[in-house]
C-alpha cells in the first residue's frame, strides 16, 4: 500500500509513520516542520504547507490511503486562547486535503477528529456520563478547535456522499506517550505534568491548573495506533471514539507521575488557568462492537513510559 501521512512529524503522526512502515507499507510523510529528532522511517519526506492546495495535490498523487493528521493545535492553554488561527489554518488544510484526495482518486481517507466536538453541556461535572458518538449533536463544542473538527467531519461526509470518497473518522480522546510536545505552550496535560515533575527537585511543589478535580480519560499511543489501523481496515464510515473509558482526575494523574519519578512533591493549584470542560470520558460501546478493540495499557505503564522519555528530554535541554 502507498500511504500518505499528513502531520507525520507530529506526536501521533510520527508514531503512525513508523507503525505503518513496520506493517510493510510505502510511506510518504508531509509536515510543515522537519523535526529530525523524531527519527521517522518514511520512504519520502516533504516539508510543505498544506494550506496551499497545490502542495496537497502534489503529495496525494499516486497514493492509496491518506491519514490526515495535519493540524494547528495544542493543549488546553493554546486552544482556549487561539480561535481564528486554528479555524483558518485547519479549515484550509482539511479542505485542500479532501479536494486533493478526490482529484487524485485516493482510495481511502482517515481524519483525526477529537473529543472536543462533544456538547459542553454534558461535561459540566467531574462525574460525567461517558460520551457516545451521537452526543456530538446537537452541536455545542466548548472551543473553536472543536467546532473546526466537527465541521471537517461533515466536510468528509459531504465528499463521501457527492463523490463516493471512502472515509474513516476517529474522535481521539487525549492520546499521550513519548515523543509528544512537552514544552512551549502547546503541550497537553500528561506531557505538561510529566515535564513539571521532571523539572522539580525533591521536596518542591508543582502547579496544577484548576483544582485538580477535573476529570478526563487518556489513551496510550500504542493502543491508539492499533485502533487507528483496525478502523482503517474496517468498513465502518461513521465517527468512532478512540480513547479510554477509564476516567481519572488530574490529581490522580499527577500522583501516578510523581510515584514513577520517585520524588516527594506537593501540589499547588491555580484556578485562574484554563482547565477546559469539567469532566470528559469516552464511551467505547461502539468501537468494541465494530472493531472488537479495547485499550490494553494501564495508566501506570503508559505514564511511566511517557515520563521516562520526557525526563530524558528535560535533562538533554539542560546540557
Foldseek 3Di string as FASTA:
>chain_A
DEEEEEVLLADLNQVLQQVVVVVVYAYEYEYCDCPVVSPGDHPHYDNDQLLDLVVLLVRLAPGAEYEYPDFDAFAPQVQAVDAPVRLSRLVSNLVSNLVSCLVRVHQEYEYEAAPQLAALVQQAALDGDADDPVRSPPTHGPTNSNVSRVVSLVVVVVCCVPRVHHYAYEHEFAEDFAPHDQDDRRYYLLSVLLLQLLPDDFAEEGEDEAPQSFKGFYAYSVLQSVLVVLRRVFRDHHYAYDTAQDMDTSNRLNVLSNVLVVGHYHYDYDDVGDDGGRYHGHDHPVSCVRRVGHGDDDSNRRSSRHSVNSSVVSVVVVD
